[in-house]
């Protein structure tokens, strides 16, 4: 008998807890604390930090080498292995820290980093390592479908950073070195890591840490394709501000990186929804794929449509609306270079739509083990992004990076979608596709109504009205199918 109803209930329950807690905390962190810090330190200083952060982020995979994604998939399929793997993987990650530092500092030297840039890079690398440990420990909760614990740990660091940075901004807004922001993250990550370790030890126990050469080689060999995929994806997602800082004169590069950071922030906040869906989907897909059940294609298709429809309703509604309202939104958040940020943001926020495709279809293909194809797609995406950046940054600066990013993300989304449709025989009905197109068209029309009638009431009232309208239209067109959701929750 298929256990699809149970898996779907776990998926919806996990999604509820993850989204509820993260939607309460992370917007406050991104739009309150991060924006507050950028306004306090200035566009140039924040751009200085942001390009270093993204360099460290690109090579973040060297701290993990795909172990976390492999672990979430493997534990979902073989939960009895968790204790055996825990101590061995923690030992491996300590060794990977040294490798990560050597690579990032070498690249920094090639790019001509100053002593201050190296100092900041060191602290950012430490933070990346602490966060990598936290994410790995969370992958054990995800693999065991312990989504409530995963949700709590996922927001704890942000809660602590909100408290620390909020206090610093309140008392020292006129003098806020960017280094304080980095130190606050270190403190929050340390407390969160200690909490995650305590929960893990209580749940599954912990053997003495030891480095086993056969175990290390076996894990790295199995996780290598995941590592390459994450490295390639991090590169095309985060290389834009690095190239802005490299291709433009130093001061101009820092300012343009700051402008890109300001435009990227709201996109980063919105992609959180898709990312959290993918975190829940990966172990669920992995469990379904591993069972080789007779109705596998039907089950995968049902869950894929449920999650894809939800993300399309959110991403299309938000991306189109925020693109139209870019100027008042950026004016609300920032104090300088508002016109430039708004221009970049109006295009960059459209990345939300192809990124949402990736969070559904890319997760499905990862769970199914189609890593060779995904790595090929990601490599081509990098080429598209880098070539377009090289051509456009000298002329269009940060806006050129936005054009490059949208082009690259769109290619990746289409490639993954077509492959998933072919492999899993996903056949959406013509009626469903027409409803999606109708939804997108109505969202555009609602925003055109704001353009034509913007003088009738404040923009934020228009924003609220359009948000409610998007939700109602998604329900009326059955993009979000309430009957399907209720049926899943009632099934036993």
Protein backbone atom coordinates (compact mmCIF):
# COMPACT_ATOMS: atom_id res chain seq x y z
CA UNK A 1 0.00 0.00 0.00
CA UNK A 2 1.36 3.43 -0.90
CA UNK A 3 2.40 5.67 1.98
CA UNK A 4 1.98 8.78 -0.18
CA UNK A 5 -0.81 10.25 2.04
CA UNK A 6 1.48 10.01 5.10
CA UNK A 7 4.37 11.60 3.23
CA UNK A 8 2.15 14.41 1.94
CA UNK A 9 0.86 15.09 5.47
CA UNK A 10 4.45 15.22 6.75
CA UNK A 11 5.29 17.59 3.92
CA UNK A 12 2.41 19.96 4.67
CA UNK A 13 3.00 19.85 8.43
CA UNK A 14 6.70 20.50 8.02
CA UNK A 15 6.04 23.28 5.53
CA UNK A 16 3.62 24.94 7.97
CA UNK A 17 6.12 25.03 10.84
CA UNK A 18 9.11 26.06 8.71
CA UNK A 19 7.22 28.84 6.94
CA UNK A 20 5.45 30.11 10.05
CA UNK A 21 8.60 30.55 12.13
CA UNK A 22 10.78 31.83 9.29
CA UNK A 23 8.18 34.28 8.01
CA UNK A 24 7.95 35.71 11.51
CA UNK A 25 11.69 36.20 11.98
CA UNK A 26 13.65 36.41 8.73
CA UNK A 27 11.85 39.40 7.15
CA UNK A 28 12.61 41.33 10.34
CA UNK A 29 16.26 40.31 10.03
CA UNK A 30 16.62 41.08 6.32
CA UNK A 31 14.44 44.20 6.04
CA UNK A 32 15.07 45.54 9.53
CA UNK A 33 18.56 44.68 10.72
CA UNK A 34 20.39 44.24 7.38
CA UNK A 35 18.81 47.37 5.92
CA UNK A 36 19.54 49.23 9.16
CA UNK A 37 23.19 48.19 9.03
CA UNK A 38 23.55 49.19 5.37
CA UNK A 39 22.02 52.59 6.04
CA UNK A 40 24.23 53.04 9.12
CA UNK A 41 27.54 52.17 7.45
CA UNK A 42 26.78 53.66 4.00
CA UNK A 43 26.55 52.23 0.51
CA UNK A 44 30.30 52.10 -0.19
CA UNK A 45 31.22 50.43 3.12
CA UNK A 46 28.43 47.87 2.83
CA UNK A 47 29.46 47.15 -0.77
CA UNK A 48 33.01 46.56 0.53
CA UNK A 49 31.60 43.93 2.92
CA UNK A 50 29.14 42.44 0.43
CA UNK A 51 31.67 41.56 -2.26
CA UNK A 52 33.90 39.83 0.36
CA UNK A 53 30.88 37.98 1.74
CA UNK A 54 29.96 36.69 -1.72
CA UNK A 55 33.50 35.52 -2.42
CA UNK A 56 33.41 33.51 0.82
CA UNK A 57 29.92 32.26 -0.05
CA UNK A 58 30.95 30.95 -3.48
CA UNK A 59 33.59 28.70 -1.90
CA UNK A 60 31.34 27.77 1.03
CA UNK A 61 30.82 24.36 -0.57
CA UNK A 62 34.44 23.51 0.29
CA UNK A 63 33.28 23.36 3.91
CA UNK A 64 30.70 20.77 2.98
CA UNK A 65 31.54 19.17 -0.40
CA UNK A 66 27.90 18.14 -0.83
CA UNK A 67 27.81 16.22 2.46
CA UNK A 68 24.70 18.00 3.77
CA UNK A 69 22.53 17.33 0.70
CA UNK A 70 23.84 13.77 0.53
CA UNK A 71 23.14 13.31 4.25
CA UNK A 72 19.55 14.61 4.08
CA UNK A 73 18.81 12.27 1.17
CA UNK A 74 20.67 9.31 2.72
CA UNK A 75 19.19 9.61 6.23
CA UNK A 76 15.68 9.90 4.75
CA UNK A 77 16.29 6.55 3.04
CA UNK A 78 18.42 4.88 5.78
CA UNK A 79 17.66 6.53 9.17
CA UNK A 80 19.52 3.78 11.08
CA UNK A 81 22.86 5.17 9.82
CA UNK A 82 22.59 8.55 11.53
CA UNK A 83 24.67 7.77 14.64
CA UNK A 84 27.39 6.04 12.63
CA UNK A 85 27.71 8.96 10.23
CA UNK A 86 27.43 11.80 12.75
CA UNK A 87 30.84 11.65 14.42
CA UNK A 88 32.62 10.80 11.18
CA UNK A 89 31.09 13.67 9.24
CA UNK A 90 31.79 16.21 12.00
CA UNK A 91 35.46 15.14 11.89
CA UNK A 92 35.54 15.55 8.11
CA UNK A 93 34.12 19.07 8.35
CA UNK A 94 36.92 20.13 10.72
CA UNK A 95 39.46 19.03 8.11
CA UNK A 96 37.57 20.85 5.37
CA UNK A 97 37.88 24.15 7.27
CA UNK A 98 41.63 24.26 6.61
CA UNK A 99 41.08 23.52 2.90
CA UNK A 100 38.44 26.27 2.70
CA UNK A 101 40.70 28.88 4.31
CA UNK A 102 43.60 28.07 1.95
CA UNK A 103 41.42 28.40 -1.16
CA UNK A 104 39.55 31.58 -0.18
CA UNK A 105 42.69 33.38 1.00
CA UNK A 106 44.53 32.34 -2.18
CA UNK A 107 41.76 33.81 -4.34
CA UNK A 108 41.79 36.92 -2.17
CA UNK A 109 45.54 37.26 -2.76
CA UNK A 110 45.05 36.88 -6.53
CA UNK A 111 42.41 39.63 -6.43
CA UNK A 112 44.81 41.90 -4.53
CA UNK A 113 43.03 42.06 -1.17
CA UNK A 114 44.31 44.54 1.42
CA UNK A 115 45.05 43.66 5.07
CA UNK A 116 41.61 44.92 6.12
CA UNK A 117 39.90 42.83 3.44
CA UNK A 118 41.81 39.73 4.60
CA UNK A 119 40.87 40.43 8.23
CA UNK A 120 37.19 40.70 7.35
CA UNK A 121 37.46 37.64 5.08
CA UNK A 122 38.84 35.58 8.00
CA UNK A 123 35.89 36.38 10.25
CA UNK A 124 33.40 35.80 7.44
CA UNK A 125 35.03 32.42 6.73
CA UNK A 126 34.68 31.48 10.41
CA UNK A 127 30.99 32.41 10.25
CA UNK A 128 30.55 30.35 7.09
CA UNK A 129 32.10 27.36 8.86
CA UNK A 130 29.84 27.71 11.92
CA UNK A 131 26.79 28.05 9.68
CA UNK A 132 27.89 25.00 7.69
CA UNK A 133 27.96 22.92 10.88
CA UNK A 134 24.49 24.15 11.82
CA UNK A 135 23.08 23.34 8.38
CA UNK A 136 24.61 19.86 8.52
CA UNK A 137 23.05 19.16 11.93
CA UNK A 138 19.71 20.39 10.59
CA UNK A 139 19.98 17.95 7.68
CA UNK A 140 19.71 15.11 10.22
CA UNK A 141 16.42 16.57 11.50
CA UNK A 142 15.20 16.93 7.91
CA UNK A 143 16.20 13.38 7.00
CA UNK A 144 14.26 12.05 10.00
CA UNK A 145 11.33 14.37 9.09
CA UNK A 146 11.70 16.20 12.44
CA UNK A 147 10.61 19.45 10.86
CA UNK A 148 9.61 21.25 14.09
CA UNK A 149 13.13 20.99 15.49
CA UNK A 150 14.55 21.99 12.12
CA UNK A 151 12.31 25.06 12.11
CA UNK A 152 13.41 26.19 15.57
CA UNK A 153 17.12 25.81 14.82
CA UNK A 154 16.67 27.53 11.43
CA UNK A 155 15.59 30.81 13.08
CA UNK A 156 17.58 30.79 16.32
CA UNK A 157 20.68 32.45 14.86
CA UNK A 158 18.56 35.19 13.29
CA UNK A 159 16.69 35.83 16.54
CA UNK A 160 19.98 36.26 18.38
CA UNK A 161 21.39 38.52 15.65
CA UNK A 162 18.26 40.68 15.73
CA UNK A 163 18.73 41.19 19.47
CA UNK A 164 22.49 41.88 19.27
CA UNK A 165 22.49 44.06 16.14
CA UNK A 166 19.30 45.81 17.20
CA UNK A 167 20.93 46.88 20.45
CA UNK A 168 24.11 48.01 18.67
CA UNK A 169 22.14 50.02 16.11
CA UNK A 170 20.03 51.63 18.84
CA UNK A 171 22.97 52.77 20.94
CA UNK A 172 25.69 53.27 18.29
CA UNK A 173 23.96 54.11 14.99
CA UNK A 174 26.20 57.10 14.39
CA UNK A 175 29.33 54.94 14.72
CA UNK A 176 28.74 51.37 13.50
CA UNK A 177 31.81 49.70 11.95
CA UNK A 178 30.88 46.89 9.55
CA UNK A 179 33.11 44.59 11.63
CA UNK A 180 30.54 44.73 14.47
CA UNK A 181 27.98 43.21 12.14
CA UNK A 182 30.33 40.29 11.45
CA UNK A 183 31.17 39.78 15.16
CA UNK A 184 27.45 39.70 16.03
CA UNK A 185 26.94 36.90 13.51
CA UNK A 186 29.82 34.92 15.06
CA UNK A 187 28.25 35.11 18.54
CA UNK A 188 24.81 34.10 17.26
CA UNK A 189 26.16 31.17 15.25
CA UNK A 190 28.12 29.85 18.26
CA UNK A 191 25.03 29.78 20.48
CA UNK A 192 22.90 28.20 17.72
CA UNK A 193 25.54 25.54 17.03
CA UNK A 194 25.72 24.63 20.73
CA UNK A 195 21.92 24.30 20.84
CA UNK A 196 21.77 22.14 17.70
CA UNK A 197 24.51 19.87 19.09
CA UNK A 198 22.66 19.41 22.38
CA UNK A 199 19.42 18.50 20.60
CA UNK A 200 21.27 16.08 18.29
CA UNK A 201 23.09 14.35 21.14
CA UNK A 202 19.85 13.93 23.09
CA UNK A 203 18.06 12.51 20.05
CA UNK A 204 20.64 10.16 18.55
CA UNK A 205 23.76 10.24 20.75
CA UNK A 206 27.28 11.08 19.67
CA UNK A 207 30.29 8.83 19.41
CA UNK A 208 33.83 10.09 19.97
CA UNK A 209 35.05 12.18 17.04
CA UNK A 210 37.61 10.35 14.97
CA UNK A 211 38.93 10.58 11.43
CA UNK A 212 38.52 7.34 9.51
CA UNK A 213 40.26 7.37 6.14
CA UNK A 214 37.99 4.72 4.51
CA UNK A 215 34.84 6.44 5.86
CA UNK A 216 36.07 9.87 4.76
CA UNK A 217 36.87 8.69 1.24
CA UNK A 218 33.54 6.85 0.96
CA UNK A 219 31.51 9.88 2.07
CA UNK A 220 33.40 12.32 -0.14
CA UNK A 221 33.13 9.99 -3.14
CA UNK A 222 29.36 9.69 -2.71
CA UNK A 223 28.86 13.40 -2.00
CA UNK A 224 31.21 14.73 -4.71
CA UNK A 225 28.46 15.22 -7.35
CA UNK A 226 26.41 17.17 -4.78
CA UNK A 227 29.49 19.27 -3.99
CA UNK A 228 30.08 20.18 -7.61
CA UNK A 229 26.43 21.12 -8.08
CA UNK A 230 26.37 23.38 -5.02
CA UNK A 231 29.65 25.04 -6.05
CA UNK A 232 28.35 25.73 -9.55
CA UNK A 233 25.01 27.03 -8.28
CA UNK A 234 26.67 29.24 -5.66
CA UNK A 235 28.90 30.64 -8.39
CA UNK A 236 26.13 31.73 -10.74
CA UNK A 237 23.99 32.97 -7.83
CA UNK A 238 26.67 35.02 -6.08
CA UNK A 239 29.33 35.99 -8.58
CA UNK A 240 27.68 39.25 -9.73
CA UNK A 241 28.89 41.54 -6.88
CA UNK A 242 32.33 39.89 -7.02
CA UNK A 243 32.60 40.77 -10.72
CA UNK A 244 31.29 44.29 -10.07
CA UNK A 245 34.10 44.84 -7.57
CA UNK A 246 36.70 43.31 -9.89
CA UNK A 247 35.74 44.87 -13.23
CA UNK A 248 35.11 48.43 -12.02
CA UNK A 249 37.48 50.92 -10.34
CA UNK A 250 37.71 50.32 -6.57
CA UNK A 251 35.40 53.04 -5.25
CA UNK A 252 32.92 52.65 -8.12
CA UNK A 253 32.99 48.87 -7.69
CA UNK A 254 32.21 49.15 -3.95
CA UNK A 255 29.32 51.54 -4.61
CA UNK A 256 27.88 49.38 -7.42
CA UNK A 257 28.24 46.28 -5.23
CA UNK A 258 26.34 48.16 -2.52
CA UNK A 259 23.62 49.11 -5.01
CA UNK A 260 23.36 45.49 -6.13
CA UNK A 261 23.24 44.38 -2.47
CA UNK A 262 20.37 46.77 -1.82
CA UNK A 263 18.43 45.44 -4.80
CA UNK A 264 19.30 41.83 -4.01
CA UNK A 265 18.13 41.97 -0.39
CA UNK A 266 14.39 41.82 -1.02
CA UNK A 267 14.89 39.10 -3.63
CA UNK A 268 16.90 37.17 -1.04
CA UNK A 269 14.06 37.59 1.46
CA UNK A 270 11.47 36.32 -1.01
CA UNK A 271 13.49 33.31 -2.15
CA UNK A 272 13.40 32.17 1.46
CA UNK A 273 9.92 30.73 0.81
CA UNK A 274 11.13 28.60 -2.11
CA UNK A 275 14.27 27.55 -0.23
CA UNK A 276 12.25 26.37 2.76
CA UNK A 277 9.94 24.43 0.45
CA UNK A 278 12.98 22.74 -1.14
CA UNK A 279 14.40 21.83 2.30
CA UNK A 280 11.17 20.00 3.07
CA UNK A 281 10.84 18.53 -0.43
CA UNK A 282 14.31 16.94 -0.69
CA UNK A 283 13.87 14.22 1.98
CA UNK A 284 10.24 13.70 0.92
CA UNK A 285 11.20 13.20 -2.72
CA UNK A 286 14.15 11.02 -1.68
CA UNK A 287 11.90 8.75 0.37
CA UNK A 288 9.39 8.43 -2.47
CA UNK A 289 12.06 7.77 -5.12
CA UNK A 290 13.76 5.11 -2.94
CA UNK A 291 10.57 3.06 -2.54
CA UNK A 292 10.15 2.38 -6.27
CA UNK A 293 6.43 2.23 -5.65
CA UNK A 294 4.05 1.37 -8.47
CA UNK A 295 2.36 4.79 -8.36
CA UNK A 296 5.68 6.66 -8.09
CA UNK A 297 5.05 8.88 -11.10
CA UNK A 298 1.53 9.74 -9.91
CA UNK A 299 2.73 10.46 -6.35
CA UNK A 300 5.64 12.62 -7.46
CA UNK A 301 3.40 14.44 -9.91
CA UNK A 302 0.84 15.16 -7.20
CA UNK A 303 3.36 16.63 -4.77
CA UNK A 304 5.20 18.51 -7.51
CA UNK A 305 2.01 20.16 -8.74
CA UNK A 306 0.97 21.05 -5.18
CA UNK A 307 4.28 22.76 -4.36
CA UNK A 308 4.84 24.26 -7.83
CA UNK A 309 1.39 25.83 -7.81
CA UNK A 310 1.97 27.34 -4.38
CA UNK A 311 5.36 28.79 -5.38
CA UNK A 312 4.03 30.13 -8.68
CA UNK A 313 1.19 31.91 -6.92
CA UNK A 314 3.65 33.52 -4.49
CA UNK A 315 6.52 34.24 -6.89
CA UNK A 316 4.55 35.62 -9.84
CA UNK A 317 2.39 37.78 -7.60
CA UNK A 318 5.33 39.13 -5.60
CA UNK A 319 7.83 39.52 -8.46
CA UNK A 320 5.49 41.40 -10.80
CA UNK A 321 4.07 43.62 -8.06
CA UNK A 322 7.44 44.49 -6.53
CA UNK A 323 8.87 45.20 -9.99
CA UNK A 324 6.11 47.72 -10.69
CA UNK A 325 6.46 49.28 -7.22
CA UNK A 326 10.26 49.26 -7.09
CA UNK A 327 10.67 53.01 -6.56
CA UNK A 328 8.43 53.44 -3.47
CA UNK A 329 9.72 50.18 -1.97
CA UNK A 330 13.37 51.18 -2.26
CA UNK A 331 12.58 54.71 -1.10
CA UNK A 332 11.09 53.16 2.04
CA UNK A 333 14.21 51.08 2.75
CA UNK A 334 17.23 53.18 1.77
CA UNK A 335 18.64 56.66 2.23
CA UNK A 336 21.02 56.98 -0.73
CA UNK A 337 21.27 55.90 -4.39
CA UNK A 338 17.54 55.09 -4.28
CA UNK A 339 16.92 55.61 -8.02
CA UNK A 340 19.81 53.33 -8.96
CA UNK A 341 18.75 50.62 -6.51
CA UNK A 342 15.13 50.79 -7.71
CA UNK A 343 16.19 50.44 -11.37
CA UNK A 344 18.28 47.35 -10.61
CA UNK A 345 15.62 45.90 -8.30
CA UNK A 346 12.81 46.25 -10.86
CA UNK A 347 14.60 43.68 -13.04
CA UNK A 348 16.41 41.60 -10.42
CA UNK A 349 13.22 40.74 -8.49
CA UNK A 350 11.92 38.90 -11.58
CA UNK A 351 14.58 36.26 -10.79
CA UNK A 352 12.14 35.06 -8.15
CA UNK A 353 10.08 33.25 -10.81
CA UNK A 354 12.82 31.07 -12.38
CA UNK A 355 14.38 30.50 -8.93
CA UNK A 356 11.05 29.06 -7.77
CA UNK A 357 11.12 26.65 -10.71
CA UNK A 358 14.57 25.54 -9.59
CA UNK A 359 13.50 24.96 -5.99
CA UNK A 360 10.85 22.47 -7.16
CA UNK A 361 12.29 20.76 -10.23
CA UNK A 362 15.93 21.00 -9.19
CA UNK A 363 15.08 19.42 -5.84
CA UNK A 364 13.20 16.60 -7.56
CA UNK A 365 16.12 15.89 -9.90
CA UNK A 366 18.59 16.02 -7.00
CA UNK A 367 16.55 13.47 -5.03
CA UNK A 368 16.38 11.27 -8.12
CA UNK A 369 20.17 11.37 -8.51
CA UNK A 370 20.29 13.27 -11.83
CA UNK A 371 23.38 15.16 -10.74
CA UNK A 372 25.33 14.80 -13.97
CA UNK A 373 22.62 16.62 -15.92
CA UNK A 374 22.19 19.24 -13.18
CA UNK A 375 25.92 19.92 -13.10
CA UNK A 376 25.96 20.33 -16.86
CA UNK A 377 23.05 22.79 -16.69
CA UNK A 378 24.77 24.73 -13.89
CA UNK A 379 28.06 24.93 -15.82
CA UNK A 380 26.28 26.37 -18.85
CA UNK A 381 24.44 28.80 -16.56
CA UNK A 382 27.77 30.07 -15.18
CA UNK A 383 29.08 30.63 -18.70
CA UNK A 384 25.95 32.61 -19.61
CA UNK A 385 26.17 34.69 -16.44
CA UNK A 386 29.91 35.44 -16.61
CA UNK A 387 29.96 36.24 -20.35
CA UNK A 388 26.99 38.60 -20.02
CA UNK A 389 28.54 40.25 -16.95
CA UNK A 390 31.82 40.79 -18.79
CA UNK A 391 29.93 42.42 -21.65
CA UNK A 392 27.43 44.46 -19.64
CA UNK A 393 29.13 45.57 -16.39
CA UNK A 394 31.52 48.08 -18.06
CA UNK A 395 28.54 49.82 -19.70
CA UNK A 396 25.56 49.20 -17.39
CA UNK A 397 27.30 48.45 -14.07
CA UNK A 398 24.90 46.91 -11.49
CA UNK A 399 21.97 46.93 -13.93
CA UNK A 400 24.08 44.84 -16.31
CA UNK A 401 24.56 42.28 -13.55
CA UNK A 402 20.78 42.18 -13.07
CA UNK A 403 20.30 41.44 -16.79
CA UNK A 404 22.94 38.70 -16.60
CA UNK A 405 21.39 37.14 -13.52
CA UNK A 406 17.85 37.00 -14.94
CA UNK A 407 19.11 35.47 -18.21
CA UNK A 408 21.14 32.80 -16.40
CA UNK A 409 18.40 31.92 -13.91
CA UNK A 410 15.83 31.60 -16.70
CA UNK A 411 18.00 29.15 -18.63
CA UNK A 412 18.54 26.99 -15.52
CA UNK A 413 14.81 26.94 -14.71
CA UNK A 414 13.73 25.92 -18.22
CA UNK A 415 16.40 23.21 -18.49
CA UNK A 416 15.45 21.63 -15.16
CA UNK A 417 11.74 21.81 -15.86
CA UNK A 418 12.06 20.10 -19.25
CA UNK A 419 14.24 17.31 -17.84
CA UNK A 420 11.87 16.66 -14.90
CA UNK A 421 8.87 16.58 -17.23
CA UNK A 422 10.60 14.01 -19.45
CA UNK A 423 11.91 11.76 -16.67
CA UNK A 424 8.77 11.68 -14.52
CA UNK A 425 6.22 11.95 -17.33
CA UNK A 426 4.72 15.08 -15.78
CA UNK A 427 1.86 16.06 -18.04
CA UNK A 428 0.06 19.19 -16.83
CA UNK A 429 -3.33 19.62 -18.44
CA UNK A 430 -3.99 22.39 -20.91
CA UNK A 431 -6.56 23.79 -18.50
CA UNK A 432 -3.97 24.03 -15.71
CA UNK A 433 -1.47 25.82 -17.96
CA UNK A 434 -4.15 28.26 -19.14
CA UNK A 435 -5.07 28.99 -15.51
CA UNK A 436 -1.42 29.79 -14.75
CA UNK A 437 -1.25 32.16 -17.73
CA UNK A 438 -4.55 33.77 -16.72
CA UNK A 439 -3.23 34.29 -13.19
CA UNK A 440 -0.06 35.99 -14.47
CA UNK A 441 -2.07 38.20 -16.83
CA UNK A 442 -4.45 39.29 -14.06
CA UNK A 443 -1.51 40.12 -11.77
CA UNK A 444 -0.05 42.36 -14.49
CA UNK A 445 -3.44 44.04 -15.03
CA UNK A 446 -3.82 44.73 -11.31
CA UNK A 447 -0.42 46.44 -11.30
CA UNK A 448 -1.26 48.44 -14.40
CA UNK A 449 -4.33 49.62 -12.52
CA UNK A 450 -1.95 50.96 -9.83
CA UNK A 451 0.10 52.80 -12.48
CA UNK A 452 -3.03 54.40 -13.92
CA UNK A 453 -4.67 55.12 -10.56
CA UNK A 454 -1.71 55.69 -8.26
CA UNK A 455 -3.06 59.11 -7.24
CA UNK A 456 -6.29 57.62 -5.87
CA UNK A 457 -4.70 56.23 -2.69
CA UNK A 458 -1.23 55.64 -1.13
CA UNK A 459 0.99 53.05 -2.80
CA UNK A 460 1.07 50.83 0.27
CA UNK A 461 -2.72 50.52 0.19
CA UNK A 462 -2.46 49.53 -3.47
CA UNK A 463 0.18 46.95 -2.45
CA UNK A 464 -2.12 45.47 0.19
CA UNK A 465 -5.06 45.43 -2.23
CA UNK A 466 -3.02 43.72 -4.94
CA UNK A 467 -1.73 41.14 -2.43
CA UNK A 468 -5.29 40.28 -1.39
CA UNK A 469 -6.32 40.24 -5.06
CA UNK A 470 -3.51 37.81 -5.94
CA UNK A 471 -4.58 35.46 -3.17
CA UNK A 472 -8.24 35.54 -4.24
CA UNK A 473 -7.41 35.02 -7.91
CA UNK A 474 -5.10 32.10 -7.06
CA UNK A 475 -7.92 30.49 -5.07
CA UNK A 476 -10.61 31.18 -7.68
CA UNK A 477 -8.47 29.78 -10.50
CA UNK A 478 -7.49 26.83 -8.27
CA UNK A 479 -3.79 27.62 -8.60
CA UNK A 480 -3.84 26.97 -4.87
CA UNK A 481 -6.22 24.03 -4.56
CA UNK A 482 -7.71 24.12 -1.07
CA UNK A 483 -9.73 20.94 -1.68
CA UNK A 484 -6.55 19.02 -2.54
CA UNK A 485 -4.80 20.29 0.59
CA UNK A 486 -7.73 19.40 2.84
CA UNK A 487 -8.02 15.97 1.24
CA UNK A 488 -4.35 15.28 1.97
CA UNK A 489 -4.73 16.33 5.60
CA UNK A 490 -7.83 14.11 6.06
CA UNK A 491 -6.28 10.98 4.53
CA UNK A 492 -5.05 8.24 6.84
